[in-house]
PDB file of all heavy atoms in Angstrom:
ATOM      1  N   GLN A   1     -82.180-189.359 -50.877  1.00  0.00           N
ATOM      2  CA  GLN A   1     -82.341-188.041 -51.457  1.00  0.00           C
ATOM      3  C   GLN A   1     -83.761-187.813 -51.954  1.00  0.00           C
ATOM      4  O   GLN A   1     -84.185-186.651 -52.101  1.00  0.00           O
ATOM      5  CB  GLN A   1     -81.363-187.834 -52.612  1.00  0.00           C
ATOM      6  CG  GLN A   1     -79.898-188.034 -52.236  1.00  0.00           C
ATOM      7  CD  GLN A   1     -79.489-189.502 -52.285  1.00  0.00           C
ATOM      8  OE1 GLN A   1     -80.329-190.386 -52.335  1.00  0.00           O
ATOM      9  NE2 GLN A   1     -78.181-189.740 -52.257  1.00  0.00           N
ATOM     10  N   VAL A   2     -84.497-188.890 -52.216  1.00  0.00           N
ATOM     11  CA  VAL A   2     -85.846-188.755 -52.724  1.00  0.00           C
ATOM     12  C   VAL A   2     -86.743-188.167 -51.637  1.00  0.00           C
ATOM     13  O   VAL A   2     -86.614-188.492 -50.448  1.00  0.00           O
ATOM     14  CB  VAL A   2     -86.398-190.110 -53.213  1.00  0.00           C
ATOM     15  CG1 VAL A   2     -86.514-191.109 -52.069  1.00  0.00           C
ATOM     16  CG2 VAL A   2     -87.740-189.925 -53.907  1.00  0.00           C
ATOM     17  N   GLN A   3     -87.626-187.288 -52.048  1.00  0.00           N
ATOM     18  CA  GLN A   3     -88.617-186.700 -51.158  1.00  0.00           C
ATOM     19  C   GLN A   3     -90.007-187.011 -51.689  1.00  0.00           C
ATOM     20  O   GLN A   3     -90.250-186.951 -52.897  1.00  0.00           O
ATOM     21  CB  GLN A   3     -88.436-185.191 -51.028  1.00  0.00           C
ATOM     22  CG  GLN A   3     -87.220-184.778 -50.219  1.00  0.00           C
ATOM     23  CD  GLN A   3     -87.228-183.307 -49.897  1.00  0.00           C
ATOM     24  OE1 GLN A   3     -87.425-182.474 -50.781  1.00  0.00           O
ATOM     25  NE2 GLN A   3     -87.023-182.984 -48.629  1.00  0.00           N
ATOM     26  N   LEU A   4     -90.907-187.334 -50.784  1.00  0.00           N
ATOM     27  CA  LEU A   4     -92.275-187.688 -51.123  1.00  0.00           C
ATOM     28  C   LEU A   4     -93.206-186.625 -50.588  1.00  0.00           C
ATOM     29  O   LEU A   4     -93.151-186.284 -49.407  1.00  0.00           O
ATOM     30  CB  LEU A   4     -92.640-189.055 -50.543  1.00  0.00           C
ATOM     31  CG  LEU A   4     -91.723-190.212 -50.940  1.00  0.00           C
ATOM     32  CD1 LEU A   4     -92.086-191.474 -50.167  1.00  0.00           C
ATOM     33  CD2 LEU A   4     -91.812-190.465 -52.443  1.00  0.00           C
ATOM     34  N   THR A   5     -94.065-186.112 -51.465  1.00  0.00           N
ATOM     35  CA  THR A   5     -94.983-185.045 -51.100  1.00  0.00           C
ATOM     36  C   THR A   5     -96.392-185.449 -51.485  1.00  0.00           C
ATOM     37  O   THR A   5     -96.709-185.566 -52.675  1.00  0.00           O
ATOM     38  CB  THR A   5     -94.601-183.726 -51.779  1.00  0.00           C
ATOM     39  OG1 THR A   5     -93.247-183.393 -51.459  1.00  0.00           O
ATOM     40  CG2 THR A   5     -95.517-182.604 -51.306  1.00  0.00           C
ATOM     41  N   GLU A   6     -97.240-185.656 -50.496  1.00  0.00           N
ATOM     42  CA  GLU A   6     -98.639-185.984 -50.716  1.00  0.00           C
ATOM     43  C   GLU A   6     -99.480-184.711 -50.666  1.00  0.00           C
ATOM     44  O   GLU A   6     -99.175-183.788 -49.908  1.00  0.00           O
ATOM     45  CB  GLU A   6     -99.144-186.972 -49.661  1.00  0.00           C
ATOM     46  CG  GLU A   6     -98.384-188.296 -49.613  1.00  0.00           C
ATOM     47  CD  GLU A   6     -97.251-188.294 -48.606  1.00  0.00           C
ATOM     48  OE1 GLU A   6     -96.832-187.201 -48.162  1.00  0.00           O
ATOM     49  OE2 GLU A   6     -96.779-189.391 -48.250  1.00  0.00           O
ATOM     50  N   SER A   7    -100.549-184.692 -51.444  1.00  0.00           N
ATOM     51  CA  SER A   7    -101.441-183.544 -51.460  1.00  0.00           C
ATOM     52  C   SER A   7    -102.823-183.983 -51.910  1.00  0.00           C
ATOM     53  O   SER A   7    -103.000-185.089 -52.419  1.00  0.00           O
ATOM     54  CB  SER A   7    -100.911-182.436 -52.375  1.00  0.00           C
ATOM     55  OG  SER A   7    -100.840-182.873 -53.719  1.00  0.00           O
ATOM     56  N   GLY A   8    -103.792-183.112 -51.739  1.00  0.00           N
ATOM     57  CA  GLY A   8    -105.133-183.336 -52.246  1.00  0.00           C
ATOM     58  C   GLY A   8    -106.150-183.825 -51.238  1.00  0.00           C
ATOM     59  O   GLY A   8    -107.331-183.963 -51.583  1.00  0.00           O
ATOM     60  N   GLY A   9    -105.742-184.098 -50.018  1.00  0.00           N
ATOM     61  CA  GLY A   9    -106.692-184.539 -49.017  1.00  0.00           C
ATOM     62  C   GLY A   9    -107.668-183.437 -48.643  1.00  0.00           C
ATOM     63  O   GLY A   9    -107.468-182.267 -48.947  1.00  0.00           O
ATOM     64  N   GLY A  10    -108.732-183.838 -47.976  1.00  0.00           N
ATOM     65  CA  GLY A  10    -109.733-182.874 -47.568  1.00  0.00           C
ATOM     66  C   GLY A  10    -110.950-183.545 -46.988  1.00  0.00           C
ATOM     67  O   GLY A  10    -110.923-184.720 -46.611  1.00  0.00           O
ATOM     68  N   LEU A  11    -112.035-182.785 -46.924  1.00  0.00           N
ATOM     69  CA  LEU A  11    -113.298-183.238 -46.357  1.00  0.00           C
ATOM     70  C   LEU A  11    -114.239-183.666 -47.469  1.00  0.00           C
ATOM     71  O   LEU A  11    -114.463-182.912 -48.426  1.00  0.00           O
ATOM     72  CB  LEU A  11    -113.930-182.120 -45.528  1.00  0.00           C
ATOM     73  CG  LEU A  11    -115.323-182.372 -44.964  1.00  0.00           C
ATOM     74  CD1 LEU A  11    -115.296-183.524 -43.975  1.00  0.00           C
ATOM     75  CD2 LEU A  11    -115.860-181.104 -44.315  1.00  0.00           C
ATOM     76  N   VAL A  12    -114.794-184.866 -47.333  1.00  0.00           N
ATOM     77  CA  VAL A  12    -115.702-185.422 -48.328  1.00  0.00           C
ATOM     78  C   VAL A  12    -116.897-186.036 -47.613  1.00  0.00           C
ATOM     79  O   VAL A  12    -116.755-186.621 -46.537  1.00  0.00           O
ATOM     80  CB  VAL A  12    -115.023-186.502 -49.200  1.00  0.00           C
ATOM     81  CG1 VAL A  12    -115.889-186.852 -50.401  1.00  0.00           C
ATOM     82  CG2 VAL A  12    -113.659-186.030 -49.658  1.00  0.00           C
ATOM     83  N   GLN A  13    -118.072-185.916 -48.211  1.00  0.00           N
ATOM     84  CA  GLN A  13    -119.256-186.581 -47.686  1.00  0.00           C
ATOM     85  C   GLN A  13    -119.205-188.075 -47.990  1.00  0.00           C
ATOM     86  O   GLN A  13    -118.589-188.489 -48.979  1.00  0.00           O
ATOM     87  CB  GLN A  13    -120.522-185.975 -48.277  1.00  0.00           C
ATOM     88  CG  GLN A  13    -120.776-184.535 -47.876  1.00  0.00           C
ATOM     89  CD  GLN A  13    -122.073-183.997 -48.450  1.00  0.00           C
ATOM     90  OE1 GLN A  13    -122.748-184.664 -49.238  1.00  0.00           O
ATOM     91  NE2 GLN A  13    -122.429-182.788 -48.055  1.00  0.00           N
ATOM     92  N   PRO A  14    -119.830-188.903 -47.162  1.00  0.00           N
ATOM     93  CA  PRO A  14    -119.908-190.327 -47.489  1.00  0.00           C
ATOM     94  C   PRO A  14    -120.504-190.542 -48.873  1.00  0.00           C
ATOM     95  O   PRO A  14    -121.485-189.902 -49.253  1.00  0.00           O
ATOM     96  CB  PRO A  14    -120.811-190.897 -46.396  1.00  0.00           C
ATOM     97  CG  PRO A  14    -120.658-189.945 -45.252  1.00  0.00           C
ATOM     98  CD  PRO A  14    -120.475-188.590 -45.875  1.00  0.00           C
ATOM     99  N   GLY A  15    -119.906-191.457 -49.626  1.00  0.00           N
ATOM    100  CA  GLY A  15    -120.317-191.700 -50.999  1.00  0.00           C
ATOM    101  C   GLY A  15    -119.673-190.792 -52.014  1.00  0.00           C
ATOM    102  O   GLY A  15    -119.838-191.015 -53.219  1.00  0.00           O
ATOM    103  N   GLY A  16    -118.931-189.806 -51.565  1.00  0.00           N
ATOM    104  CA  GLY A  16    -118.283-188.872 -52.460  1.00  0.00           C
ATOM    105  C   GLY A  16    -116.957-189.379 -52.979  1.00  0.00           C
ATOM    106  O   GLY A  16    -116.547-190.513 -52.720  1.00  0.00           O
ATOM    107  N   SER A  17    -116.273-188.506 -53.715  1.00  0.00           N
ATOM    108  CA  SER A  17    -115.015-188.851 -54.361  1.00  0.00           C
ATOM    109  C   SER A  17    -113.946-187.833 -54.012  1.00  0.00           C
ATOM    110  O   SER A  17    -114.239-186.669 -53.715  1.00  0.00           O
ATOM    111  CB  SER A  17    -115.190-188.907 -55.886  1.00  0.00           C
ATOM    112  OG  SER A  17    -116.158-189.863 -56.262  1.00  0.00           O
ATOM    113  N   LEU A  18    -112.708-188.274 -54.078  1.00  0.00           N
ATOM    114  CA  LEU A  18    -111.570-187.415 -53.798  1.00  0.00           C
ATOM    115  C   LEU A  18    -110.346-187.985 -54.491  1.00  0.00           C
ATOM    116  O   LEU A  18    -110.219-189.203 -54.640  1.00  0.00           O
ATOM    117  CB  LEU A  18    -111.329-187.303 -52.294  1.00  0.00           C
ATOM    118  CG  LEU A  18    -110.358-186.212 -51.817  1.00  0.00           C
ATOM    119  CD1 LEU A  18    -110.944-184.827 -52.064  1.00  0.00           C
ATOM    120  CD2 LEU A  18    -110.042-186.403 -50.343  1.00  0.00           C
ATOM    121  N   ARG A  19    -109.449-187.114 -54.912  1.00  0.00           N
ATOM    122  CA  ARG A  19    -108.195-187.520 -55.528  1.00  0.00           C
ATOM    123  C   ARG A  19    -107.034-186.996 -54.702  1.00  0.00           C
ATOM    124  O   ARG A  19    -106.976-185.799 -54.410  1.00  0.00           O
ATOM    125  CB  ARG A  19    -108.100-187.002 -56.963  1.00  0.00           C
ATOM    126  CG  ARG A  19    -106.743-187.254 -57.625  1.00  0.00           C
ATOM    127  CD  ARG A  19    -106.721-186.794 -59.075  1.00  0.00           C
ATOM    128  NE  ARG A  19    -107.025-185.376 -59.213  1.00  0.00           N
ATOM    129  CZ  ARG A  19    -106.135-184.394 -59.122  1.00  0.00           C
ATOM    130  NH1 ARG A  19    -104.861-184.684 -58.877  1.00  0.00           N
ATOM    131  NH2 ARG A  19    -106.521-183.140 -59.279  1.00  0.00           N
ATOM    132  N   VAL A  20    -106.132-187.887 -54.338  1.00  0.00           N
ATOM    133  CA  VAL A  20    -104.901-187.490 -53.678  1.00  0.00           C
ATOM    134  C   VAL A  20    -103.734-187.766 -54.618  1.00  0.00           C
ATOM    135  O   VAL A  20    -103.784-188.687 -55.436  1.00  0.00           O
ATOM    136  CB  VAL A  20    -104.705-188.208 -52.326  1.00  0.00           C
ATOM    137  CG1 VAL A  20    -105.786-187.773 -51.345  1.00  0.00           C
ATOM    138  CG2 VAL A  20    -104.716-189.720 -52.485  1.00  0.00           C
ATOM    139  N   SER A  21    -102.689-186.953 -54.507  1.00  0.00           N
ATOM    140  CA  SER A  21    -101.558-187.034 -55.415  1.00  0.00           C
ATOM    141  C   SER A  21    -100.265-187.187 -54.634  1.00  0.00           C
ATOM    142  O   SER A  21    -100.162-186.781 -53.473  1.00  0.00           O
ATOM    143  CB  SER A  21    -101.481-185.785 -56.300  1.00  0.00           C
ATOM    144  OG  SER A  21    -102.625-185.661 -57.120  1.00  0.00           O
ATOM    145  N   CYS A  22     -99.276-187.768 -55.294  1.00  0.00           N
ATOM    146  CA  CYS A  22     -97.950-187.944 -54.731  1.00  0.00           C
ATOM    147  C   CYS A  22     -96.919-187.526 -55.763  1.00  0.00           C
ATOM    148  O   CYS A  22     -96.964-187.972 -56.909  1.00  0.00           O
ATOM    149  CB  CYS A  22     -97.711-189.399 -54.329  1.00  0.00           C
ATOM    150  SG  CYS A  22     -96.029-189.743 -53.758  1.00  0.00           S
ATOM    151  N   GLU A  23     -95.998-186.664 -55.354  1.00  0.00           N
ATOM    152  CA  GLU A  23     -94.869-186.312 -56.192  1.00  0.00           C
ATOM    153  C   GLU A  23     -93.585-186.781 -55.522  1.00  0.00           C
ATOM    154  O   GLU A  23     -93.342-186.452 -54.360  1.00  0.00           O
ATOM    155  CB  GLU A  23     -94.802-184.816 -56.462  1.00  0.00           C
ATOM    156  CG  GLU A  23     -93.621-184.445 -57.352  1.00  0.00           C
ATOM    157  CD  GLU A  23     -93.713-183.050 -57.928  1.00  0.00           C
ATOM    158  OE1 GLU A  23     -94.775-182.406 -57.780  1.00  0.00           O
ATOM    159  OE2 GLU A  23     -92.720-182.603 -58.540  1.00  0.00           O
ATOM    160  N   ALA A  24     -92.803-187.561 -56.247  1.00  0.00           N
ATOM    161  CA  ALA A  24     -91.514-188.041 -55.778  1.00  0.00           C
ATOM    162  C   ALA A  24     -90.428-187.259 -56.488  1.00  0.00           C
ATOM    163  O   ALA A  24     -90.305-187.318 -57.708  1.00  0.00           O
ATOM    164  CB  ALA A  24     -91.362-189.535 -56.031  1.00  0.00           C
ATOM    165  N   SER A  25     -89.631-186.527 -55.743  1.00  0.00           N
ATOM    166  CA  SER A  25     -88.575-185.697 -56.302  1.00  0.00           C
ATOM    167  C   SER A  25     -87.214-186.183 -55.826  1.00  0.00           C
ATOM    168  O   SER A  25     -87.102-186.920 -54.845  1.00  0.00           O
ATOM    169  CB  SER A  25     -88.778-184.230 -55.914  1.00  0.00           C
ATOM    170  OG  SER A  25     -88.767-184.076 -54.504  1.00  0.00           O
ATOM    171  N   GLY A  26     -86.182-185.755 -56.530  1.00  0.00           N
ATOM    172  CA  GLY A  26     -84.828-186.122 -56.174  1.00  0.00           C
ATOM    173  C   GLY A  26     -84.329-187.402 -56.811  1.00  0.00           C
ATOM    174  O   GLY A  26     -83.425-188.041 -56.263  1.00  0.00           O
ATOM    175  N   PHE A  27     -84.891-187.772 -57.947  1.00  0.00           N
ATOM    176  CA  PHE A  27     -84.476-188.964 -58.667  1.00  0.00           C
ATOM    177  C   PHE A  27     -84.512-188.674 -60.161  1.00  0.00           C
ATOM    178  O   PHE A  27     -85.098-187.678 -60.596  1.00  0.00           O
ATOM    179  CB  PHE A  27     -85.384-190.151 -58.337  1.00  0.00           C
ATOM    180  CG  PHE A  27     -86.809-189.924 -58.719  1.00  0.00           C
ATOM    181  CD1 PHE A  27     -87.290-190.319 -59.962  1.00  0.00           C
ATOM    182  CD2 PHE A  27     -87.683-189.301 -57.848  1.00  0.00           C
ATOM    183  CE1 PHE A  27     -88.601-190.102 -60.324  1.00  0.00           C
ATOM    184  CE2 PHE A  27     -89.000-189.075 -58.194  1.00  0.00           C
ATOM    185  CZ  PHE A  27     -89.458-189.475 -59.439  1.00  0.00           C
ATOM    186  N   SER A  28     -83.918-189.569 -60.951  1.00  0.00           N
ATOM    187  CA  SER A  28     -83.864-189.372 -62.401  1.00  0.00           C
ATOM    188  C   SER A  28     -85.016-190.026 -63.137  1.00  0.00           C
ATOM    189  O   SER A  28     -85.571-189.442 -64.072  1.00  0.00           O
ATOM    190  CB  SER A  28     -82.532-189.892 -62.954  1.00  0.00           C
ATOM    191  OG  SER A  28     -82.364-191.267 -62.672  1.00  0.00           O
ATOM    192  N   THR A  29     -85.391-191.237 -62.733  1.00  0.00           N
ATOM    193  CA  THR A  29     -86.466-191.955 -63.399  1.00  0.00           C
ATOM    194  C   THR A  29     -87.086-192.963 -62.440  1.00  0.00           C
ATOM    195  O   THR A  29     -86.415-193.472 -61.538  1.00  0.00           O
ATOM    196  CB  THR A  29     -85.962-192.686 -64.657  1.00  0.00           C
ATOM    197  OG1 THR A  29     -87.041-193.404 -65.260  1.00  0.00           O
ATOM    198  CG2 THR A  29     -84.842-193.652 -64.305  1.00  0.00           C
ATOM    199  N   LEU A  30     -88.365-193.233 -62.651  1.00  0.00           N
ATOM    200  CA  LEU A  30     -89.081-194.236 -61.865  1.00  0.00           C
ATOM    201  C   LEU A  30     -89.358-195.500 -62.672  1.00  0.00           C
ATOM    202  O   LEU A  30     -90.207-196.304 -62.284  1.00  0.00           O
ATOM    203  CB  LEU A  30     -90.403-193.661 -61.355  1.00  0.00           C
ATOM    204  CG  LEU A  30     -90.335-192.663 -60.197  1.00  0.00           C
ATOM    205  CD1 LEU A  30     -91.728-192.170 -59.837  1.00  0.00           C
ATOM    206  CD2 LEU A  30     -89.675-193.291 -58.988  1.00  0.00           C
ATOM    207  N   ASP A  31     -88.647-195.717 -63.758  1.00  0.00           N
ATOM    208  CA  ASP A  31     -88.932-196.830 -64.658  1.00  0.00           C
ATOM    209  C   ASP A  31     -88.858-198.187 -63.977  1.00  0.00           C
ATOM    210  O   ASP A  31     -89.562-199.119 -64.375  1.00  0.00           O
ATOM    211  CB  ASP A  31     -87.973-196.814 -65.843  1.00  0.00           C
ATOM    212  CG  ASP A  31     -88.284-195.714 -66.837  1.00  0.00           C
ATOM    213  OD1 ASP A  31     -89.341-195.065 -66.708  1.00  0.00           O
ATOM    214  OD2 ASP A  31     -87.470-195.500 -67.756  1.00  0.00           O
ATOM    215  N   HIS A  32     -88.016-198.336 -62.968  1.00  0.00           N
ATOM    216  CA  HIS A  32     -87.832-199.618 -62.292  1.00  0.00           C
ATOM    217  C   HIS A  32     -88.466-199.641 -60.905  1.00  0.00           C
ATOM    218  O   HIS A  32     -88.124-200.503 -60.095  1.00  0.00           O
ATOM    219  CB  HIS A  32     -86.344-199.949 -62.189  1.00  0.00           C
ATOM    220  CG  HIS A  32     -85.639-199.936 -63.503  1.00  0.00           C
ATOM    221  ND1 HIS A  32     -85.892-200.866 -64.488  1.00  0.00           N
ATOM    222  CD2 HIS A  32     -84.696-199.104 -64.011  1.00  0.00           C
ATOM    223  CE1 HIS A  32     -85.128-200.611 -65.537  1.00  0.00           C
ATOM    224  NE2 HIS A  32     -84.396-199.550 -65.271  1.00  0.00           N
ATOM    225  N   TYR A  33     -89.388-198.749 -60.645  1.00  0.00           N
ATOM    226  CA  TYR A  33     -89.957-198.589 -59.313  1.00  0.00           C
ATOM    227  C   TYR A  33     -91.399-199.063 -59.248  1.00  0.00           C
ATOM    228  O   TYR A  33     -92.079-199.251 -60.259  1.00  0.00           O
ATOM    229  CB  TYR A  33     -89.897-197.116 -58.890  1.00  0.00           C
ATOM    230  CG  TYR A  33     -88.530-196.647 -58.472  1.00  0.00           C
ATOM    231  CD1 TYR A  33     -87.530-196.437 -59.406  1.00  0.00           C
ATOM    232  CD2 TYR A  33     -88.242-196.398 -57.129  1.00  0.00           C
ATOM    233  CE1 TYR A  33     -86.273-196.003 -59.027  1.00  0.00           C
ATOM    234  CE2 TYR A  33     -86.997-195.962 -56.739  1.00  0.00           C
ATOM    235  CZ  TYR A  33     -86.019-195.762 -57.692  1.00  0.00           C
ATOM    236  OH  TYR A  33     -84.772-195.318 -57.304  1.00  0.00           O
ATOM    237  N   ALA A  34     -91.832-199.269 -58.027  1.00  0.00           N
ATOM    238  CA  ALA A  34     -93.240-199.429 -57.711  1.00  0.00           C
ATOM    239  C   ALA A  34     -93.645-198.310 -56.764  1.00  0.00           C
ATOM    240  O   ALA A  34     -92.841-197.861 -55.937  1.00  0.00           O
ATOM    241  CB  ALA A  34     -93.516-200.790 -57.071  1.00  0.00           C
ATOM    242  N   ILE A  35     -94.855-197.840 -56.904  1.00  0.00           N
ATOM    243  CA  ILE A  35     -95.380-196.797 -56.030  1.00  0.00           C
ATOM    244  C   ILE A  35     -96.639-197.317 -55.364  1.00  0.00           C
ATOM    245  O   ILE A  35     -97.414-198.069 -55.967  1.00  0.00           O
ATOM    246  CB  ILE A  35     -95.651-195.487 -56.792  1.00  0.00           C
ATOM    247  CG1 ILE A  35     -96.049-194.381 -55.817  1.00  0.00           C
ATOM    248  CG2 ILE A  35     -96.687-195.691 -57.888  1.00  0.00           C
ATOM    249  CD1 ILE A  35     -96.060-192.993 -56.422  1.00  0.00           C
ATOM    250  N   GLY A  36     -96.828-196.929 -54.120  1.00  0.00           N
ATOM    251  CA  GLY A  36     -97.991-197.397 -53.393  1.00  0.00           C
ATOM    252  C   GLY A  36     -98.541-196.345 -52.456  1.00  0.00           C
ATOM    253  O   GLY A  36     -97.859-195.385 -52.083  1.00  0.00           O
ATOM    254  N   TRP A  37     -99.795-196.550 -52.094  1.00  0.00           N
ATOM    255  CA  TRP A  37    -100.462-195.726 -51.106  1.00  0.00           C
ATOM    256  C   TRP A  37    -100.721-196.557 -49.859  1.00  0.00           C
ATOM    257  O   TRP A  37    -101.260-197.665 -49.941  1.00  0.00           O
ATOM    258  CB  TRP A  37    -101.777-195.167 -51.649  1.00  0.00           C
ATOM    259  CG  TRP A  37    -101.584-194.102 -52.678  1.00  0.00           C
ATOM    260  CD1 TRP A  37    -101.538-194.255 -54.030  1.00  0.00           C
ATOM    261  CD2 TRP A  37    -101.397-192.714 -52.418  1.00  0.00           C
ATOM    262  NE1 TRP A  37    -101.334-193.040 -54.641  1.00  0.00           N
ATOM    263  CE2 TRP A  37    -101.251-192.073 -53.668  1.00  0.00           C
ATOM    264  CE3 TRP A  37    -101.351-191.939 -51.259  1.00  0.00           C
ATOM    265  CZ2 TRP A  37    -101.051-190.697 -53.791  1.00  0.00           C
ATOM    266  CZ3 TRP A  37    -101.151-190.572 -51.381  1.00  0.00           C
ATOM    267  CH2 TRP A  37    -101.003-189.974 -52.639  1.00  0.00           C
ATOM    268  N   PHE A  38    -100.336-196.015 -48.724  1.00  0.00           N
ATOM    269  CA  PHE A  38    -100.549-196.636 -47.427  1.00  0.00           C
ATOM    270  C   PHE A  38    -101.439-195.742 -46.593  1.00  0.00           C
ATOM    271  O   PHE A  38    -101.468-194.523 -46.777  1.00  0.00           O
ATOM    272  CB  PHE A  38     -99.213-196.853 -46.697  1.00  0.00           C
ATOM    273  CG  PHE A  38     -98.393-198.006 -47.213  1.00  0.00           C
ATOM    274  CD1 PHE A  38     -98.008-198.079 -48.542  1.00  0.00           C
ATOM    275  CD2 PHE A  38     -97.992-199.020 -46.358  1.00  0.00           C
ATOM    276  CE1 PHE A  38     -97.251-199.126 -49.025  1.00  0.00           C
ATOM    277  CE2 PHE A  38     -97.221-200.081 -46.820  1.00  0.00           C
ATOM    278  CZ  PHE A  38     -96.860-200.136 -48.149  1.00  0.00           C
TER     279      PHE A  38
END
């Protein structure tokens, strides 16, 4: 039931910075979870 939604990607120059985000919906708590970026 959980859905994963990534956002924030885009175009960056070499040496620059960017932030990407993940929202996990369809659950009650993430207290016992691990989250990762692949």
